[in-house]
Full PDB file with SEQRES, HELIX, SHEET, SSBOND, CRYST1, ORIGX, SCALE, CONECT and MASTER records, all heavy atoms in Angstrom:
SEQRES   1 A   40  HIS THR LEU VAL ILE ASP GLY GLU THR TYR LYS LEU ARG          
SEQRES   2 A   40  LEU LEU PRO SER GLY ILE VAL ARG LYS ASN LYS ILE SER          
SEQRES   3 A   40  ILE ILE GLY ASN GLY VAL VAL VAL ASP PRO TRP ALA LEU          
SEQRES   4 A   40  VAL                                                          
HELIX    1 AA1 SER A   17  VAL A   20  5                                   4    
HELIX    2 AA2 PRO A   36  LEU A   39  1                                   4    
SHEET    1 AA1 2 THR A   2  ILE A   5  0                                        
SHEET    2 AA1 2 GLU A   8  LYS A  11 -1                                        
CRYST1    1.000    1.000    1.000  90.00  90.00  90.00 P 1           1          
ORIGX1      1.000000  0.000000  0.000000        0.00000                         
ORIGX2      0.000000  1.000000  0.000000        0.00000                         
ORIGX3      0.000000  0.000000  1.000000        0.00000                         
SCALE1      1.000000  0.000000  0.000000        0.00000                         
SCALE2      0.000000  1.000000  0.000000        0.00000                         
SCALE3      0.000000  0.000000  1.000000        0.00000                         
ATOM      1  N   HIS A   1     -38.818  38.464 -36.802  1.00  0.00           N  
ATOM      2  CA  HIS A   1     -40.010  39.278 -36.648  1.00  0.00           C  
ATOM      3  C   HIS A   1     -40.271  39.495 -35.165  1.00  0.00           C  
ATOM      4  O   HIS A   1     -40.317  38.534 -34.395  1.00  0.00           O  
ATOM      5  CB  HIS A   1     -41.232  38.583 -37.266  1.00  0.00           C  
ATOM      6  CG  HIS A   1     -41.165  38.455 -38.743  1.00  0.00           C  
ATOM      7  ND1 HIS A   1     -41.934  37.587 -39.459  1.00  0.00           N  
ATOM      8  CD2 HIS A   1     -40.404  39.097 -39.646  1.00  0.00           C  
ATOM      9  CE1 HIS A   1     -41.639  37.691 -40.745  1.00  0.00           C  
ATOM     10  NE2 HIS A   1     -40.723  38.608 -40.876  1.00  0.00           N  
ATOM     11  N   THR A   2     -40.419  40.741 -34.783  1.00  0.00           N  
ATOM     12  CA  THR A   2     -40.707  41.063 -33.394  1.00  0.00           C  
ATOM     13  C   THR A   2     -42.173  41.448 -33.241  1.00  0.00           C  
ATOM     14  O   THR A   2     -42.667  42.339 -33.928  1.00  0.00           O  
ATOM     15  CB  THR A   2     -39.816  42.214 -32.903  1.00  0.00           C  
ATOM     16  OG1 THR A   2     -38.444  41.829 -33.006  1.00  0.00           O  
ATOM     17  CG2 THR A   2     -40.125  42.542 -31.449  1.00  0.00           C  
ATOM     18  N   LEU A   3     -42.877  40.783 -32.320  1.00  0.00           N  
ATOM     19  CA  LEU A   3     -44.259  41.096 -32.016  1.00  0.00           C  
ATOM     20  C   LEU A   3     -44.351  41.606 -30.586  1.00  0.00           C  
ATOM     21  O   LEU A   3     -43.713  41.061 -29.688  1.00  0.00           O  
ATOM     22  CB  LEU A   3     -45.152  39.852 -32.154  1.00  0.00           C  
ATOM     23  CG  LEU A   3     -45.041  39.040 -33.445  1.00  0.00           C  
ATOM     24  CD1 LEU A   3     -45.984  37.842 -33.381  1.00  0.00           C  
ATOM     25  CD2 LEU A   3     -45.371  39.896 -34.636  1.00  0.00           C  
ATOM     26  N   VAL A   4     -45.112  42.656 -30.382  1.00  0.00           N  
ATOM     27  CA  VAL A   4     -45.375  43.174 -29.046  1.00  0.00           C  
ATOM     28  C   VAL A   4     -46.882  43.075 -28.808  1.00  0.00           C  
ATOM     29  O   VAL A   4     -47.665  43.794 -29.425  1.00  0.00           O  
ATOM     30  CB  VAL A   4     -44.888  44.624 -28.879  1.00  0.00           C  
ATOM     31  CG1 VAL A   4     -45.157  45.103 -27.456  1.00  0.00           C  
ATOM     32  CG2 VAL A   4     -43.405  44.747 -29.218  1.00  0.00           C  
ATOM     33  N   ILE A   5     -47.288  42.189 -27.907  1.00  0.00           N  
ATOM     34  CA  ILE A   5     -48.704  41.930 -27.667  1.00  0.00           C  
ATOM     35  C   ILE A   5     -48.982  42.039 -26.170  1.00  0.00           C  
ATOM     36  O   ILE A   5     -48.449  41.263 -25.374  1.00  0.00           O  
ATOM     37  CB  ILE A   5     -49.126  40.549 -28.181  1.00  0.00           C  
ATOM     38  CG1 ILE A   5     -48.808  40.420 -29.677  1.00  0.00           C  
ATOM     39  CG2 ILE A   5     -50.614  40.316 -27.944  1.00  0.00           C  
ATOM     40  CD1 ILE A   5     -48.966  39.043 -30.228  1.00  0.00           C  
ATOM     41  N   ASP A   6     -49.806  43.021 -25.810  1.00  0.00           N  
ATOM     42  CA  ASP A   6     -50.143  43.259 -24.405  1.00  0.00           C  
ATOM     43  C   ASP A   6     -48.900  43.364 -23.528  1.00  0.00           C  
ATOM     44  O   ASP A   6     -48.837  42.837 -22.414  1.00  0.00           O  
ATOM     45  CB  ASP A   6     -51.072  42.154 -23.879  1.00  0.00           C  
ATOM     46  CG  ASP A   6     -52.404  42.109 -24.618  1.00  0.00           C  
ATOM     47  OD1 ASP A   6     -52.869  43.189 -25.042  1.00  0.00           O  
ATOM     48  OD2 ASP A   6     -52.959  41.001 -24.768  1.00  0.00           O  
ATOM     49  N   GLY A   7     -47.903  44.062 -24.059  1.00  0.00           N  
ATOM     50  CA  GLY A   7     -46.680  44.274 -23.308  1.00  0.00           C  
ATOM     51  C   GLY A   7     -45.682  43.139 -23.359  1.00  0.00           C  
ATOM     52  O   GLY A   7     -44.545  43.290 -22.906  1.00  0.00           O  
ATOM     53  N   GLU A   8     -46.054  41.986 -23.928  1.00  0.00           N  
ATOM     54  CA  GLU A   8     -45.174  40.830 -24.056  1.00  0.00           C  
ATOM     55  C   GLU A   8     -44.508  40.848 -25.432  1.00  0.00           C  
ATOM     56  O   GLU A   8     -45.171  41.017 -26.444  1.00  0.00           O  
ATOM     57  CB  GLU A   8     -45.957  39.525 -23.874  1.00  0.00           C  
ATOM     58  CG  GLU A   8     -45.109  38.255 -23.912  1.00  0.00           C  
ATOM     59  CD  GLU A   8     -44.311  38.045 -22.652  1.00  0.00           C  
ATOM     60  OE1 GLU A   8     -44.923  37.817 -21.598  1.00  0.00           O  
ATOM     61  OE2 GLU A   8     -43.077  38.117 -22.726  1.00  0.00           O  
ATOM     62  N   THR A   9     -43.178  40.679 -25.453  1.00  0.00           N  
ATOM     63  CA  THR A   9     -42.424  40.687 -26.701  1.00  0.00           C  
ATOM     64  C   THR A   9     -42.114  39.270 -27.148  1.00  0.00           C  
ATOM     65  O   THR A   9     -41.614  38.455 -26.380  1.00  0.00           O  
ATOM     66  CB  THR A   9     -41.108  41.469 -26.544  1.00  0.00           C  
ATOM     67  OG1 THR A   9     -41.406  42.826 -26.199  1.00  0.00           O  
ATOM     68  CG2 THR A   9     -40.316  41.469 -27.846  1.00  0.00           C  
ATOM     69  N   TYR A  10     -42.421  38.977 -28.405  1.00  0.00           N  
ATOM     70  CA  TYR A  10     -42.117  37.677 -29.004  1.00  0.00           C  
ATOM     71  C   TYR A  10     -41.170  37.910 -30.172  1.00  0.00           C  
ATOM     72  O   TYR A  10     -41.469  38.685 -31.080  1.00  0.00           O  
ATOM     73  CB  TYR A  10     -43.387  36.989 -29.511  1.00  0.00           C  
ATOM     74  CG  TYR A  10     -44.446  36.774 -28.457  1.00  0.00           C  
ATOM     75  CD1 TYR A  10     -45.402  37.752 -28.192  1.00  0.00           C  
ATOM     76  CD2 TYR A  10     -44.506  35.592 -27.727  1.00  0.00           C  
ATOM     77  CE1 TYR A  10     -46.384  37.561 -27.235  1.00  0.00           C  
ATOM     78  CE2 TYR A  10     -45.493  35.387 -26.763  1.00  0.00           C  
ATOM     79  CZ  TYR A  10     -46.417  36.378 -26.526  1.00  0.00           C  
ATOM     80  OH  TYR A  10     -47.388  36.189 -25.572  1.00  0.00           O  
ATOM     81  N   LYS A  11     -40.033  37.232 -30.151  1.00  0.00           N  
ATOM     82  CA  LYS A  11     -39.073  37.331 -31.241  1.00  0.00           C  
ATOM     83  C   LYS A  11     -39.073  36.012 -32.001  1.00  0.00           C  
ATOM     84  O   LYS A  11     -38.624  34.987 -31.511  1.00  0.00           O  
ATOM     85  CB  LYS A  11     -37.687  37.668 -30.702  1.00  0.00           C  
ATOM     86  CG  LYS A  11     -37.623  39.069 -30.099  1.00  0.00           C  
ATOM     87  CD  LYS A  11     -36.212  39.490 -29.769  1.00  0.00           C  
ATOM     88  CE  LYS A  11     -36.206  40.937 -29.256  1.00  0.00           C  
ATOM     89  NZ  LYS A  11     -34.841  41.433 -28.997  1.00  0.00           N  
ATOM     90  N   LEU A  12     -39.608  36.058 -33.223  1.00  0.00           N  
ATOM     91  CA  LEU A  12     -39.764  34.876 -34.053  1.00  0.00           C  
ATOM     92  C   LEU A  12     -38.755  34.884 -35.193  1.00  0.00           C  
ATOM     93  O   LEU A  12     -38.444  35.933 -35.755  1.00  0.00           O  
ATOM     94  CB  LEU A  12     -41.180  34.817 -34.622  1.00  0.00           C  
ATOM     95  CG  LEU A  12     -42.331  34.891 -33.612  1.00  0.00           C  
ATOM     96  CD1 LEU A  12     -43.668  34.906 -34.334  1.00  0.00           C  
ATOM     97  CD2 LEU A  12     -42.263  33.753 -32.614  1.00  0.00           C  
ATOM     98  N   ARG A  13     -38.260  33.708 -35.539  1.00  0.00           N  
ATOM     99  CA  ARG A  13     -37.279  33.587 -36.613  1.00  0.00           C  
ATOM    100  C   ARG A  13     -37.753  32.608 -37.693  1.00  0.00           C  
ATOM    101  O   ARG A  13     -37.756  32.938 -38.855  1.00  0.00           O  
ATOM    102  CB  ARG A  13     -35.932  33.161 -36.033  1.00  0.00           C  
ATOM    103  CG  ARG A  13     -35.319  34.234 -35.120  1.00  0.00           C  
ATOM    104  CD  ARG A  13     -34.170  33.719 -34.299  1.00  0.00           C  
ATOM    105  NE  ARG A  13     -34.579  32.822 -33.233  1.00  0.00           N  
ATOM    106  CZ  ARG A  13     -35.042  33.205 -32.037  1.00  0.00           C  
ATOM    107  NH1 ARG A  13     -35.161  34.492 -31.754  1.00  0.00           N  
ATOM    108  NH2 ARG A  13     -35.383  32.309 -31.130  1.00  0.00           N  
ATOM    109  N   LEU A  14     -38.149  31.411 -37.291  1.00  0.00           N  
ATOM    110  CA  LEU A  14     -38.676  30.427 -38.227  1.00  0.00           C  
ATOM    111  C   LEU A  14     -40.190  30.291 -38.128  1.00  0.00           C  
ATOM    112  O   LEU A  14     -40.861  30.036 -39.124  1.00  0.00           O  
ATOM    113  CB  LEU A  14     -38.031  29.059 -37.973  1.00  0.00           C  
ATOM    114  CG  LEU A  14     -36.641  28.848 -38.578  1.00  0.00           C  
ATOM    115  CD1 LEU A  14     -35.997  27.596 -37.998  1.00  0.00           C  
ATOM    116  CD2 LEU A  14     -36.709  28.748 -40.092  1.00  0.00           C  
ATOM    117  N   LEU A  15     -40.714  30.422 -36.939  1.00  0.00           N  
ATOM    118  CA  LEU A  15     -42.144  30.248 -36.730  1.00  0.00           C  
ATOM    119  C   LEU A  15     -42.935  31.380 -37.383  1.00  0.00           C  
ATOM    120  O   LEU A  15     -42.574  32.549 -37.255  1.00  0.00           O  
ATOM    121  CB  LEU A  15     -42.465  30.192 -35.240  1.00  0.00           C  
ATOM    122  CG  LEU A  15     -41.935  28.974 -34.476  1.00  0.00           C  
ATOM    123  CD1 LEU A  15     -42.144  29.152 -32.979  1.00  0.00           C  
ATOM    124  CD2 LEU A  15     -42.602  27.701 -34.971  1.00  0.00           C  
ATOM    125  N   PRO A  16     -44.004  31.063 -38.084  1.00  0.00           N  
ATOM    126  CA  PRO A  16     -44.876  32.099 -38.644  1.00  0.00           C  
ATOM    127  C   PRO A  16     -45.449  32.981 -37.543  1.00  0.00           C  
ATOM    128  O   PRO A  16     -45.679  32.530 -36.414  1.00  0.00           O  
ATOM    129  CB  PRO A  16     -45.984  31.290 -39.340  1.00  0.00           C  
ATOM    130  CG  PRO A  16     -45.363  29.950 -39.607  1.00  0.00           C  
ATOM    131  CD  PRO A  16     -44.431  29.704 -38.456  1.00  0.00           C  
ATOM    132  N   SER A  17     -45.697  34.244 -37.875  1.00  0.00           N  
ATOM    133  CA  SER A  17     -46.147  35.198 -36.869  1.00  0.00           C  
ATOM    134  C   SER A  17     -47.527  34.877 -36.310  1.00  0.00           C  
ATOM    135  O   SER A  17     -47.884  35.349 -35.235  1.00  0.00           O  
ATOM    136  CB  SER A  17     -46.135  36.615 -37.456  1.00  0.00           C  
ATOM    137  OG  SER A  17     -44.829  36.995 -37.803  1.00  0.00           O  
ATOM    138  N   GLY A  18     -48.311  34.091 -37.013  1.00  0.00           N  
ATOM    139  CA  GLY A  18     -49.633  33.710 -36.524  1.00  0.00           C  
ATOM    140  C   GLY A  18     -49.608  32.721 -35.372  1.00  0.00           C  
ATOM    141  O   GLY A  18     -50.641  32.453 -34.761  1.00  0.00           O  
ATOM    142  N   ILE A  19     -48.433  32.200 -35.043  1.00  0.00           N  
ATOM    143  CA  ILE A  19     -48.336  31.159 -34.018  1.00  0.00           C  
ATOM    144  C   ILE A  19     -48.778  31.667 -32.651  1.00  0.00           C  
ATOM    145  O   ILE A  19     -49.209  30.867 -31.805  1.00  0.00           O  
ATOM    146  CB  ILE A  19     -46.896  30.579 -33.950  1.00  0.00           C  
ATOM    147  CG1 ILE A  19     -46.879  29.232 -33.197  1.00  0.00           C  
ATOM    148  CG2 ILE A  19     -45.940  31.581 -33.284  1.00  0.00           C  
ATOM    149  CD1 ILE A  19     -47.522  28.124 -33.928  1.00  0.00           C  
ATOM    150  N   VAL A  20     -48.678  32.951 -32.401  1.00  0.00           N  
ATOM    151  CA  VAL A  20     -49.023  33.481 -31.085  1.00  0.00           C  
ATOM    152  C   VAL A  20     -50.528  33.668 -30.915  1.00  0.00           C  
ATOM    153  O   VAL A  20     -50.983  34.050 -29.831  1.00  0.00           O  
ATOM    154  CB  VAL A  20     -48.292  34.801 -30.801  1.00  0.00           C  
ATOM    155  CG1 VAL A  20     -46.791  34.591 -30.802  1.00  0.00           C  
ATOM    156  CG2 VAL A  20     -48.666  35.866 -31.823  1.00  0.00           C  
ATOM    157  N   ARG A  21     -51.296  33.428 -31.948  1.00  0.00           N  
ATOM    158  CA  ARG A  21     -52.752  33.493 -31.854  1.00  0.00           C  
ATOM    159  C   ARG A  21     -53.345  32.101 -31.676  1.00  0.00           C  
ATOM    160  O   ARG A  21     -52.850  31.132 -32.230  1.00  0.00           O  
ATOM    161  CB  ARG A  21     -53.349  34.136 -33.116  1.00  0.00           C  
ATOM    162  CG  ARG A  21     -53.172  35.637 -33.184  1.00  0.00           C  
ATOM    163  CD  ARG A  21     -54.007  36.206 -34.301  1.00  0.00           C  
ATOM    164  NE  ARG A  21     -53.908  37.638 -34.373  1.00  0.00           N  
ATOM    165  CZ  ARG A  21     -54.668  38.488 -33.730  1.00  0.00           C  
ATOM    166  NH1 ARG A  21     -55.600  38.012 -32.906  1.00  0.00           N  
ATOM    167  NH2 ARG A  21     -54.529  39.790 -33.876  1.00  0.00           N  
ATOM    168  N   LYS A  22     -54.404  32.014 -30.925  1.00  0.00           N  
ATOM    169  CA  LYS A  22     -55.088  30.755 -30.699  1.00  0.00           C  
ATOM    170  C   LYS A  22     -55.929  30.369 -31.911  1.00  0.00           C  
ATOM    171  O   LYS A  22     -56.402  31.215 -32.657  1.00  0.00           O  
ATOM    172  CB  LYS A  22     -55.973  30.846 -29.452  1.00  0.00           C  
ATOM    173  CG  LYS A  22     -55.199  31.017 -28.152  1.00  0.00           C  
ATOM    174  CD  LYS A  22     -56.140  31.072 -26.951  1.00  0.00           C  
ATOM    175  CE  LYS A  22     -55.351  31.211 -25.654  1.00  0.00           C  
ATOM    176  NZ  LYS A  22     -56.245  31.277 -24.472  1.00  0.00           N  
ATOM    177  N   ASN A  23     -56.058  29.069 -32.102  1.00  0.00           N  
ATOM    178  CA  ASN A  23     -56.950  28.514 -33.123  1.00  0.00           C  
ATOM    179  C   ASN A  23     -56.531  28.869 -34.555  1.00  0.00           C  
ATOM    180  O   ASN A  23     -57.372  29.009 -35.445  1.00  0.00           O  
ATOM    181  CB  ASN A  23     -58.395  28.955 -32.883  1.00  0.00           C  
ATOM    182  CG  ASN A  23     -58.883  28.573 -31.492  1.00  0.00           C  
ATOM    183  OD1 ASN A  23     -58.648  27.467 -31.017  1.00  0.00           O  
ATOM    184  ND2 ASN A  23     -59.567  29.505 -30.831  1.00  0.00           N  
ATOM    185  N   LYS A  24     -55.231  29.039 -34.764  1.00  0.00           N  
ATOM    186  CA  LYS A  24     -54.694  29.277 -36.098  1.00  0.00           C  
ATOM    187  C   LYS A  24     -53.732  28.158 -36.466  1.00  0.00           C  
ATOM    188  O   LYS A  24     -53.067  27.581 -35.612  1.00  0.00           O  
ATOM    189  CB  LYS A  24     -53.941  30.614 -36.177  1.00  0.00           C  
ATOM    190  CG  LYS A  24     -54.743  31.809 -35.669  1.00  0.00           C  
ATOM    191  CD  LYS A  24     -55.924  32.124 -36.566  1.00  0.00           C  
ATOM    192  CE  LYS A  24     -56.720  33.291 -35.989  1.00  0.00           C  
ATOM    193  NZ  LYS A  24     -57.927  33.594 -36.787  1.00  0.00           N  
ATOM    194  N   ILE A  25     -53.636  27.860 -37.765  1.00  0.00           N  
ATOM    195  CA  ILE A  25     -52.666  26.903 -38.278  1.00  0.00           C  
ATOM    196  C   ILE A  25     -51.450  27.669 -38.781  1.00  0.00           C  
ATOM    197  O   ILE A  25     -51.582  28.599 -39.578  1.00  0.00           O  
ATOM    198  CB  ILE A  25     -53.256  26.050 -39.418  1.00  0.00           C  
ATOM    199  CG1 ILE A  25     -54.508  25.294 -38.968  1.00  0.00           C  
ATOM    200  CG2 ILE A  25     -52.198  25.091 -39.965  1.00  0.00           C  
ATOM    201  CD1 ILE A  25     -54.272  24.274 -37.923  1.00  0.00           C  
ATOM    202  N   SER A  26     -50.269  27.280 -38.321  1.00  0.00           N  
ATOM    203  CA  SER A  26     -49.021  27.886 -38.792  1.00  0.00           C  
ATOM    204  C   SER A  26     -48.245  26.848 -39.593  1.00  0.00           C  
ATOM    205  O   SER A  26     -48.114  25.702 -39.166  1.00  0.00           O  
ATOM    206  CB  SER A  26     -48.183  28.386 -37.619  1.00  0.00           C  
ATOM    207  OG  SER A  26     -48.783  29.511 -37.012  1.00  0.00           O  
ATOM    208  N   ILE A  27     -47.723  27.272 -40.745  1.00  0.00           N  
ATOM    209  CA  ILE A  27     -47.047  26.351 -41.658  1.00  0.00           C  
ATOM    210  C   ILE A  27     -45.685  26.901 -42.055  1.00  0.00           C  
ATOM    211  O   ILE A  27     -45.553  28.085 -42.405  1.00  0.00           O  
ATOM    212  CB  ILE A  27     -47.893  26.107 -42.926  1.00  0.00           C  
ATOM    213  CG1 ILE A  27     -49.191  25.371 -42.573  1.00  0.00           C  
ATOM    214  CG2 ILE A  27     -47.096  25.312 -43.960  1.00  0.00           C  
ATOM    215  CD1 ILE A  27     -50.128  25.181 -43.753  1.00  0.00           C  
ATOM    216  N   ILE A  28     -44.674  26.039 -42.018  1.00  0.00           N  
ATOM    217  CA  ILE A  28     -43.353  26.348 -42.564  1.00  0.00           C  
ATOM    218  C   ILE A  28     -43.243  25.605 -43.889  1.00  0.00           C  
ATOM    219  O   ILE A  28     -43.221  24.378 -43.929  1.00  0.00           O  
ATOM    220  CB  ILE A  28     -42.232  25.917 -41.603  1.00  0.00           C  
ATOM    221  CG1 ILE A  28     -42.388  26.651 -40.262  1.00  0.00           C  
ATOM    222  CG2 ILE A  28     -40.859  26.202 -42.213  1.00  0.00           C  
ATOM    223  CD1 ILE A  28     -41.447  26.156 -39.174  1.00  0.00           C  
ATOM    224  N   GLY A  29     -43.209  26.352 -44.995  1.00  0.00           N  
ATOM    225  CA  GLY A  29     -43.287  25.758 -46.322  1.00  0.00           C  
ATOM    226  C   GLY A  29     -41.977  25.196 -46.828  1.00  0.00           C  
ATOM    227  O   GLY A  29     -40.906  25.366 -46.228  1.00  0.00           O  
ATOM    228  N   ASN A  30     -42.049  24.561 -47.981  1.00  0.00           N  
ATOM    229  CA  ASN A  30     -40.878  23.930 -48.600  1.00  0.00           C  
ATOM    230  C   ASN A  30     -39.835  24.936 -49.060  1.00  0.00           C  
ATOM    231  O   ASN A  30     -38.663  24.590 -49.243  1.00  0.00           O  
ATOM    232  CB  ASN A  30     -41.312  23.088 -49.800  1.00  0.00           C  
ATOM    233  CG  ASN A  30     -42.064  23.880 -50.841  1.00  0.00           C  
ATOM    234  OD1 ASN A  30     -43.282  24.051 -50.702  1.00  0.00           O  
ATOM    235  ND2 ASN A  30     -41.398  24.382 -51.875  1.00  0.00           N  
ATOM    236  N   GLY A  31     -40.231  26.194 -49.249  1.00  0.00           N  
ATOM    237  CA  GLY A  31     -39.289  27.223 -49.682  1.00  0.00           C  
ATOM    238  C   GLY A  31     -38.400  27.737 -48.571  1.00  0.00           C  
ATOM    239  O   GLY A  31     -37.442  28.476 -48.830  1.00  0.00           O  
ATOM    240  N   VAL A  32     -38.699  27.353 -47.333  1.00  0.00           N  
ATOM    241  CA  VAL A  32     -37.901  27.766 -46.178  1.00  0.00           C  
ATOM    242  C   VAL A  32     -36.758  26.777 -45.971  1.00  0.00           C  
ATOM    243  O   VAL A  32     -36.937  25.569 -46.131  1.00  0.00           O  
ATOM    244  CB  VAL A  32     -38.772  27.817 -44.906  1.00  0.00           C  
ATOM    245  CG1 VAL A  32     -37.952  28.250 -43.692  1.00  0.00           C  
ATOM    246  CG2 VAL A  32     -39.957  28.767 -45.105  1.00  0.00           C  
ATOM    247  N   VAL A  33     -35.577  27.276 -45.637  1.00  0.00           N  
ATOM    248  CA  VAL A  33     -34.476  26.410 -45.220  1.00  0.00           C  
ATOM    249  C   VAL A  33     -34.463  26.396 -43.693  1.00  0.00           C  
ATOM    250  O   VAL A  33     -34.477  27.448 -43.049  1.00  0.00           O  
ATOM    251  CB  VAL A  33     -33.116  26.865 -45.791  1.00  0.00           C  
ATOM    252  CG1 VAL A  33     -33.028  26.508 -47.267  1.00  0.00           C  
ATOM    253  CG2 VAL A  33     -32.872  28.346 -45.599  1.00  0.00           C  
ATOM    254  N   VAL A  34     -34.452  25.195 -43.123  1.00  0.00           N  
ATOM    255  CA  VAL A  34     -34.739  25.021 -41.705  1.00  0.00           C  
ATOM    256  C   VAL A  34     -33.539  24.451 -40.954  1.00  0.00           C  
ATOM    257  O   VAL A  34     -33.072  23.347 -41.265  1.00  0.00           O  
ATOM    258  CB  VAL A  34     -35.957  24.092 -41.505  1.00  0.00           C  
ATOM    259  CG1 VAL A  34     -36.229  23.873 -40.013  1.00  0.00           C  
ATOM    260  CG2 VAL A  34     -37.189  24.663 -42.193  1.00  0.00           C  
ATOM    261  N   ASP A  35     -33.066  25.189 -39.989  1.00  0.00           N  
ATOM    262  CA  ASP A  35     -32.094  24.663 -39.026  1.00  0.00           C  
ATOM    263  C   ASP A  35     -32.893  23.929 -37.956  1.00  0.00           C  
ATOM    264  O   ASP A  35     -33.610  24.564 -37.175  1.00  0.00           O  
ATOM    265  CB  ASP A  35     -31.293  25.815 -38.408  1.00  0.00           C  
ATOM    266  CG  ASP A  35     -30.225  25.343 -37.427  1.00  0.00           C  
ATOM    267  OD1 ASP A  35     -30.493  24.402 -36.656  1.00  0.00           O  
ATOM    268  OD2 ASP A  35     -29.122  25.930 -37.399  1.00  0.00           O  
ATOM    269  N   PRO A  36     -32.820  22.596 -37.906  1.00  0.00           N  
ATOM    270  CA  PRO A  36     -33.691  21.854 -36.993  1.00  0.00           C  
ATOM    271  C   PRO A  36     -33.445  22.171 -35.526  1.00  0.00           C  
ATOM    272  O   PRO A  36     -34.378  22.194 -34.719  1.00  0.00           O  
ATOM    273  CB  PRO A  36     -33.383  20.388 -37.311  1.00  0.00           C  
ATOM    274  CG  PRO A  36     -32.039  20.408 -37.963  1.00  0.00           C  
ATOM    275  CD  PRO A  36     -31.946  21.695 -38.687  1.00  0.00           C  
ATOM    276  N   TRP A  37     -32.186  22.432 -35.170  1.00  0.00           N  
ATOM    277  CA  TRP A  37     -31.868  22.768 -33.786  1.00  0.00           C  
ATOM    278  C   TRP A  37     -32.409  24.148 -33.412  1.00  0.00           C  
ATOM    279  O   TRP A  37     -32.950  24.333 -32.322  1.00  0.00           O  
ATOM    280  CB  TRP A  37     -30.351  22.696 -33.560  1.00  0.00           C  
ATOM    281  CG  TRP A  37     -29.829  21.311 -33.784  1.00  0.00           C  
ATOM    282  CD1 TRP A  37     -29.808  20.281 -32.899  1.00  0.00           C  
ATOM    283  CD2 TRP A  37     -29.286  20.801 -35.011  1.00  0.00           C  
ATOM    284  NE1 TRP A  37     -29.271  19.151 -33.483  1.00  0.00           N  
ATOM    285  CE2 TRP A  37     -28.935  19.442 -34.778  1.00  0.00           C  
ATOM    286  CE3 TRP A  37     -29.038  21.343 -36.260  1.00  0.00           C  
ATOM    287  CZ2 TRP A  37     -28.364  18.639 -35.757  1.00  0.00           C  
ATOM    288  CZ3 TRP A  37     -28.471  20.538 -37.244  1.00  0.00           C  
ATOM    289  CH2 TRP A  37     -28.143  19.196 -36.987  1.00  0.00           C  
ATOM    290  N   ALA A  38     -32.294  25.079 -34.337  1.00  0.00           N  
ATOM    291  CA  ALA A  38     -32.837  26.421 -34.115  1.00  0.00           C  
ATOM    292  C   ALA A  38     -34.356  26.377 -34.000  1.00  0.00           C  
ATOM    293  O   ALA A  38     -34.952  27.095 -33.192  1.00  0.00           O  
ATOM    294  CB  ALA A  38     -32.411  27.356 -35.240  1.00  0.00           C  
ATOM    295  N   LEU A  39     -35.004  25.542 -34.818  1.00  0.00           N  
ATOM    296  CA  LEU A  39     -36.458  25.431 -34.781  1.00  0.00           C  
ATOM    297  C   LEU A  39     -36.929  24.885 -33.437  1.00  0.00           C  
ATOM    298  O   LEU A  39     -37.853  25.433 -32.825  1.00  0.00           O  
ATOM    299  CB  LEU A  39     -36.956  24.541 -35.922  1.00  0.00           C  
ATOM    300  CG  LEU A  39     -38.465  24.262 -35.947  1.00  0.00           C  
ATOM    301  CD1 LEU A  39     -39.255  25.562 -36.049  1.00  0.00           C  
ATOM    302  CD2 LEU A  39     -38.825  23.321 -37.097  1.00  0.00           C  
ATOM    303  N   VAL A  40     -36.311  23.814 -32.985  1.00  0.00           N  
ATOM    304  CA  VAL A  40     -36.691  23.217 -31.704  1.00  0.00           C  
ATOM    305  C   VAL A  40     -36.472  24.206 -30.561  1.00  0.00           C  
ATOM    306  O   VAL A  40     -37.314  24.339 -29.663  1.00  0.00           O  
ATOM    307  CB  VAL A  40     -35.900  21.913 -31.458  1.00  0.00           C  
ATOM    308  CG1 VAL A  40     -36.112  21.414 -30.027  1.00  0.00           C  
ATOM    309  CG2 VAL A  40     -36.326  20.842 -32.453  1.00  0.00           C  
TER     310      VAL A  40                                                      
MASTER        0    0    0    2    2    0    0    6  309    1    0    4          
END                                                                             
């Protein structure tokens, strides 16, 4: 998912798109398959 916010581009793969907002909870659920190295 690509986000463009105030001219800054964020390319997200595992992280929920809400992570770039303050005061929000982002969750990666059990239905996601997670590459731990990619996540870190």
